[in-house]
C-alpha atoms as a PDB file:
ATOM      1  CA  UNK A   1     -29.856  61.864  48.083  1.00  0.00           C
ATOM      2  CA  UNK A   2     -31.909  59.121  46.411  1.00  0.00           C
ATOM      3  CA  UNK A   3     -28.653  57.489  45.358  1.00  0.00           C
ATOM      4  CA  UNK A   4     -27.520  57.471  49.026  1.00  0.00           C
ATOM      5  CA  UNK A   5     -30.725  55.825  50.189  1.00  0.00           C
ATOM      6  CA  UNK A   6     -30.845  53.342  47.297  1.00  0.00           C
ATOM      7  CA  UNK A   7     -27.297  52.248  48.138  1.00  0.00           C
ATOM      8  CA  UNK A   8     -28.198  51.353  51.717  1.00  0.00           C
ATOM      9  CA  UNK A   9     -28.284  47.629  52.489  1.00  0.00           C
ATOM     10  CA  UNK A  10     -31.399  46.231  54.127  1.00  0.00           C
ATOM     11  CA  UNK A  11     -29.675  46.206  57.517  1.00  0.00           C
ATOM     12  CA  UNK A  12     -28.542  49.817  57.099  1.00  0.00           C
ATOM     13  CA  UNK A  13     -31.989  50.790  56.009  1.00  0.00           C
ATOM     14  CA  UNK A  14     -33.467  49.010  59.056  1.00  0.00           C
ATOM     15  CA  UNK A  15     -31.333  51.262  61.253  1.00  0.00           C
ATOM     16  CA  UNK A  16     -33.233  54.357  60.093  1.00  0.00           C
ATOM     17  CA  UNK A  17     -35.535  55.677  62.796  1.00  0.00           C
ATOM     18  CA  UNK A  18     -39.130  56.792  62.325  1.00  0.00           C
ATOM     19  CA  UNK A  19     -38.179  60.447  61.942  1.00  0.00           C
ATOM     20  CA  UNK A  20     -35.680  59.557  59.180  1.00  0.00           C
ATOM     21  CA  UNK A  21     -38.289  57.360  57.427  1.00  0.00           C
ATOM     22  CA  UNK A  22     -40.939  60.074  57.538  1.00  0.00           C
ATOM     23  CA  UNK A  23     -38.450  62.520  55.951  1.00  0.00           C
ATOM     24  CA  UNK A  24     -37.739  60.437  52.854  1.00  0.00           C
ATOM     25  CA  UNK A  25     -38.509  62.391  49.686  1.00  0.00           C
ATOM     26  CA  UNK A  26     -40.621  61.288  46.690  1.00  0.00           C
ATOM     27  CA  UNK A  27     -37.441  60.459  44.787  1.00  0.00           C
ATOM     28  CA  UNK A  28     -36.122  58.360  47.684  1.00  0.00           C
ATOM     29  CA  UNK A  29     -39.413  56.500  48.178  1.00  0.00           C
ATOM     30  CA  UNK A  30     -39.629  55.585  44.492  1.00  0.00           C
ATOM     31  CA  UNK A  31     -36.051  54.299  44.623  1.00  0.00           C
ATOM     32  CA  UNK A  32     -36.606  51.881  47.508  1.00  0.00           C
ATOM     33  CA  UNK A  33     -36.027  48.221  46.681  1.00  0.00           C
ATOM     34  CA  UNK A  34     -37.988  45.272  47.949  1.00  0.00           C
ATOM     35  CA  UNK A  35     -34.991  44.236  50.083  1.00  0.00           C
ATOM     36  CA  UNK A  36     -34.915  47.657  51.795  1.00  0.00           C
ATOM     37  CA  UNK A  37     -38.705  47.632  52.315  1.00  0.00           C
ATOM     38  CA  UNK A  38     -38.463  44.151  53.854  1.00  0.00           C
ATOM     39  CA  UNK A  39     -36.346  45.755  56.679  1.00  0.00           C
ATOM     40  CA  UNK A  40     -39.247  48.003  57.748  1.00  0.00           C
ATOM     41  CA  UNK A  41     -40.687  46.465  60.872  1.00  0.00           C
ATOM     42  CA  UNK A  42     -44.175  46.698  62.236  1.00  0.00           C
ATOM     43  CA  UNK A  43     -43.188  49.434  64.675  1.00  0.00           C
ATOM     44  CA  UNK A  44     -41.882  51.676  61.879  1.00  0.00           C
ATOM     45  CA  UNK A  45     -44.261  51.138  58.905  1.00  0.00           C
ATOM     46  CA  UNK A  46     -46.723  53.816  59.953  1.00  0.00           C
ATOM     47  CA  UNK A  47     -43.905  56.427  60.097  1.00  0.00           C
ATOM     48  CA  UNK A  48     -44.506  56.820  56.430  1.00  0.00           C
ATOM     49  CA  UNK A  49     -47.230  59.232  55.538  1.00  0.00           C
ATOM     50  CA  UNK A  50     -50.023  57.953  53.260  1.00  0.00           C
ATOM     51  CA  UNK A  51     -48.490  60.209  50.501  1.00  0.00           C
ATOM     52  CA  UNK A  52     -45.165  58.433  50.962  1.00  0.00           C
ATOM     53  CA  UNK A  53     -46.672  54.922  51.083  1.00  0.00           C
ATOM     54  CA  UNK A  54     -48.374  55.256  47.687  1.00  0.00           C
ATOM     55  CA  UNK A  55     -44.990  55.971  46.154  1.00  0.00           C
ATOM     56  CA  UNK A  56     -43.704  52.451  46.874  1.00  0.00           C
ATOM     57  CA  UNK A  57     -43.333  50.696  43.512  1.00  0.00           C
ATOM     58  CA  UNK A  58     -45.038  47.440  42.612  1.00  0.00           C
ATOM     59  CA  UNK A  59     -41.580  45.862  42.879  1.00  0.00           C
ATOM     60  CA  UNK A  60     -41.073  47.147  46.441  1.00  0.00           C
ATOM     61  CA  UNK A  61     -44.553  46.386  47.922  1.00  0.00           C
ATOM     62  CA  UNK A  62     -44.202  42.600  47.928  1.00  0.00           C
ATOM     63  CA  UNK A  63     -41.084  43.093  50.046  1.00  0.00           C
ATOM     64  CA  UNK A  64     -43.090  44.377  52.994  1.00  0.00           C
ATOM     65  CA  UNK A  65     -43.004  41.858  55.806  1.00  0.00           C
ATOM     66  CA  UNK A  66     -46.341  40.311  56.838  1.00  0.00           C
ATOM     67  CA  UNK A  67     -45.919  41.932  60.245  1.00  0.00           C
ATOM     68  CA  UNK A  68     -45.520  45.398  58.664  1.00  0.00           C
ATOM     69  CA  UNK A  69     -48.644  44.848  56.522  1.00  0.00           C
ATOM     70  CA  UNK A  70     -50.592  43.684  59.583  1.00  0.00           C
ATOM     71  CA  UNK A  71     -49.464  46.835  61.438  1.00  0.00           C
ATOM     72  CA  UNK A  72     -50.697  49.295  58.748  1.00  0.00           C
ATOM     73  CA  UNK A  73     -53.379  51.597  59.919  1.00  0.00           C
ATOM     74  CA  UNK A  74     -56.660  51.510  57.980  1.00  0.00           C
ATOM     75  CA  UNK A  75     -55.830  54.926  56.525  1.00  0.00           C
ATOM     76  CA  UNK A  76     -52.468  53.662  55.370  1.00  0.00           C
ATOM     77  CA  UNK A  77     -53.922  50.508  53.950  1.00  0.00           C
ATOM     78  CA  UNK A  78     -56.666  52.375  52.083  1.00  0.00           C
ATOM     79  CA  UNK A  79     -54.030  54.777  50.681  1.00  0.00           C
ATOM     80  CA  UNK A  80     -52.493  51.937  48.691  1.00  0.00           C
ATOM     81  CA  UNK A  81     -53.212  52.146  44.980  1.00  0.00           C
ATOM     82  CA  UNK A  82     -54.920  49.459  42.939  1.00  0.00           C
ATOM     83  CA  UNK A  83     -51.545  48.549  41.441  1.00  0.00           C
ATOM     84  CA  UNK A  84     -50.088  48.095  44.941  1.00  0.00           C
ATOM     85  CA  UNK A  85     -53.002  45.976  46.135  1.00  0.00           C
ATOM     86  CA  UNK A  86     -52.609  43.703  43.069  1.00  0.00           C
ATOM     87  CA  UNK A  87     -49.013  42.891  44.008  1.00  0.00           C
ATOM     88  CA  UNK A  88     -49.643  42.108  47.660  1.00  0.00           C
ATOM     89  CA  UNK A  89     -48.634  38.494  48.235  1.00  0.00           C
ATOM     90  CA  UNK A  90     -51.051  35.955  49.566  1.00  0.00           C
ATOM     91  CA  UNK A  91     -49.044  35.934  52.765  1.00  0.00           C
ATOM     92  CA  UNK A  92     -49.458  39.703  53.139  1.00  0.00           C
ATOM     93  CA  UNK A  93     -53.221  39.365  52.481  1.00  0.00           C
ATOM     94  CA  UNK A  94     -53.560  36.548  55.023  1.00  0.00           C
ATOM     95  CA  UNK A  95     -51.796  38.768  57.568  1.00  0.00           C
ATOM     96  CA  UNK A  96     -54.496  41.481  57.309  1.00  0.00           C
ATOM     97  CA  UNK A  97     -56.367  41.794  60.584  1.00  0.00           C
ATOM     98  CA  UNK A  98     -60.166  41.616  60.827  1.00  0.00           C
ATOM     99  CA  UNK A  99     -60.232  45.366  61.540  1.00  0.00           C
ATOM    100  CA  UNK A 100     -58.157  46.059  58.419  1.00  0.00           C
ATOM    101  CA  UNK A 101     -60.422  44.006  56.184  1.00  0.00           C
ATOM    102  CA  UNK A 102     -63.527  45.558  57.705  1.00  0.00           C
ATOM    103  CA  UNK A 103     -62.043  48.979  57.005  1.00  0.00           C
ATOM    104  CA  UNK A 104     -61.030  48.260  53.404  1.00  0.00           C
ATOM    105  CA  UNK A 105     -62.608  50.452  50.793  1.00  0.00           C
ATOM    106  CA  UNK A 106     -64.903  48.427  48.528  1.00  0.00           C
ATOM    107  CA  UNK A 107     -62.851  49.578  45.513  1.00  0.00           C
ATOM    108  CA  UNK A 108     -59.757  47.991  47.027  1.00  0.00           C
ATOM    109  CA  UNK A 109     -61.555  44.757  47.878  1.00  0.00           C
ATOM    110  CA  UNK A 110     -62.971  44.217  44.408  1.00  0.00           C
ATOM    111  CA  UNK A 111     -59.480  44.607  42.902  1.00  0.00           C
ATOM    112  CA  UNK A 112     -58.072  41.680  44.806  1.00  0.00           C
ATOM    113  CA  UNK A 113     -57.232  38.619  42.758  1.00  0.00           C
ATOM    114  CA  UNK A 114     -58.808  35.262  43.353  1.00  0.00           C
ATOM    115  CA  UNK A 115     -55.680  33.913  45.122  1.00  0.00           C
ATOM    116  CA  UNK A 116     -55.719  36.966  47.346  1.00  0.00           C
ATOM    117  CA  UNK A 117     -59.404  36.408  48.193  1.00  0.00           C
ATOM    118  CA  UNK A 118     -58.655  32.808  49.102  1.00  0.00           C
ATOM    119  CA  UNK A 119     -55.882  34.046  51.412  1.00  0.00           C
ATOM    120  CA  UNK A 120     -58.352  36.033  53.568  1.00  0.00           C
ATOM    121  CA  UNK A 121     -59.034  34.322  56.921  1.00  0.00           C
ATOM    122  CA  UNK A 122     -62.499  33.342  57.982  1.00  0.00           C
ATOM    123  CA  UNK A 123     -62.631  36.150  60.584  1.00  0.00           C
ATOM    124  CA  UNK A 124     -61.749  38.609  57.862  1.00  0.00           C
ATOM    125  CA  UNK A 125     -64.468  37.139  55.593  1.00  0.00           C
ATOM    126  CA  UNK A 126     -67.015  37.377  58.374  1.00  0.00           C
ATOM    127  CA  UNK A 127     -66.044  41.068  58.866  1.00  0.00           C
ATOM    128  CA  UNK A 128     -67.051  41.979  55.302  1.00  0.00           C
ATOM    129  CA  UNK A 129     -70.019  44.350  55.170  1.00  0.00           C
ATOM    130  CA  UNK A 130     -72.988  43.563  52.963  1.00  0.00           C
ATOM    131  CA  UNK A 131     -71.868  46.338  50.638  1.00  0.00           C
ATOM    132  CA  UNK A 132     -68.450  44.703  50.287  1.00  0.00           C
ATOM    133  CA  UNK A 133     -69.903  41.261  49.824  1.00  0.00           C
ATOM    134  CA  UNK A 134     -72.280  42.358  47.106  1.00  0.00           C
ATOM    135  CA  UNK A 135     -69.424  44.086  45.323  1.00  0.00           C
ATOM    136  CA  UNK A 136     -67.396  40.905  45.079  1.00  0.00           C
ATOM    137  CA  UNK A 137     -66.946  39.794  41.468  1.00  0.00           C
ATOM    138  CA  UNK A 138     -68.199  36.435  40.226  1.00  0.00           C
ATOM    139  CA  UNK A 139     -64.598  35.231  40.046  1.00  0.00           C
ATOM    140  CA  UNK A 140     -64.004  36.298  43.652  1.00  0.00           C
ATOM    141  CA  UNK A 141     -67.177  34.550  44.892  1.00  0.00           C
ATOM    142  CA  UNK A 142     -66.106  31.438  42.918  1.00  0.00           C
ATOM    143  CA  UNK A 143     -62.692  31.578  44.613  1.00  0.00           C
ATOM    144  CA  UNK A 144     -64.105  31.463  48.138  1.00  0.00           C
ATOM    145  CA  UNK A 145     -63.418  28.154  49.966  1.00  0.00           C
ATOM    146  CA  UNK A 146     -66.218  26.241  51.692  1.00  0.00           C
ATOM    147  CA  UNK A 147     -64.790  27.459  55.026  1.00  0.00           C
ATOM    148  CA  UNK A 148     -64.903  31.054  53.883  1.00  0.00           C
ATOM    149  CA  UNK A 149     -68.488  30.664  52.575  1.00  0.00           C
ATOM    150  CA  UNK A 150     -69.470  29.221  55.945  1.00  0.00           C
ATOM    151  CA  UNK A 151     -67.988  32.337  57.582  1.00  0.00           C
ATOM    152  CA  UNK A 152     -70.241  34.723  55.634  1.00  0.00           C
ATOM    153  CA  UNK A 153     -73.111  36.108  57.661  1.00  0.00           C
ATOM    154  CA  UNK A 154     -76.686  35.379  56.627  1.00  0.00           C
ATOM    155  CA  UNK A 155     -77.017  39.014  55.563  1.00  0.00           C
ATOM    156  CA  UNK A 156     -73.946  38.702  53.381  1.00  0.00           C
ATOM    157  CA  UNK A 157     -75.280  35.529  51.675  1.00  0.00           C
ATOM    158  CA  UNK A 158     -78.580  37.250  51.053  1.00  0.00           C
ATOM    159  CA  UNK A 159     -76.951  40.055  49.049  1.00  0.00           C
ATOM    160  CA  UNK A 160     -74.788  37.864  46.830  1.00  0.00           C
ATOM    161  CA  UNK A 161     -76.078  38.025  43.294  1.00  0.00           C
ATOM    162  CA  UNK A 162     -77.862  34.849  42.054  1.00  0.00           C
ATOM    163  CA  UNK A 163     -75.441  34.692  39.155  1.00  0.00           C
ATOM    164  CA  UNK A 164     -72.537  34.629  41.591  1.00  0.00           C
ATOM    165  CA  UNK A 165     -74.160  31.887  43.642  1.00  0.00           C
ATOM    166  CA  UNK A 166     -74.669  29.797  40.523  1.00  0.00           C
ATOM    167  CA  UNK A 167     -70.916  29.510  39.970  1.00  0.00           C
ATOM    168  CA  UNK A 168     -70.299  27.881  43.303  1.00  0.00           C
ATOM    169  CA  UNK A 169     -69.232  24.252  43.098  1.00  0.00           C
ATOM    170  CA  UNK A 170     -70.636  21.433  45.280  1.00  0.00           C
ATOM    171  CA  UNK A 171     -67.448  21.456  47.397  1.00  0.00           C
ATOM    172  CA  UNK A 172     -67.981  25.097  48.235  1.00  0.00           C
ATOM    173  CA  UNK A 173     -71.480  24.644  49.506  1.00  0.00           C
ATOM    174  CA  UNK A 174     -71.055  21.272  51.114  1.00  0.00           C
END
């Protein structure tokens, strides 16, 4: 059956309904291409169980549309593996809603690359908890733009490690 699914064009794959998507097997999920995954719209993305979603390969994940990523429930987003988070595009990261970022597990947040951190909107940065802010790596803090730094709450700035603050450039704190 995986061969049948893997041979579907993106438009054919888009025609699958939510019941059909939720019935895909492990073998079929692993075989999905980025082109097929790009056909999953926001209304259908949560048809996948969290167990199915973690089976998407690092080649397929970047194919998810920004609308589909923005529609992921917090449970679905937190089910993504570290490897899957690492391959999310900056466009996908920028599409995350404030609620999604606020609901991110700290372990997922600290695994984001510097370009991904820069892609977070100011509302998303402002939604970070103090626990998430203190967990940011030095490289992630250094990657924050001046606009993102301005969006941090006073409580968030208070918990950032001194060594992390020392890496900030004059443009970031201007």
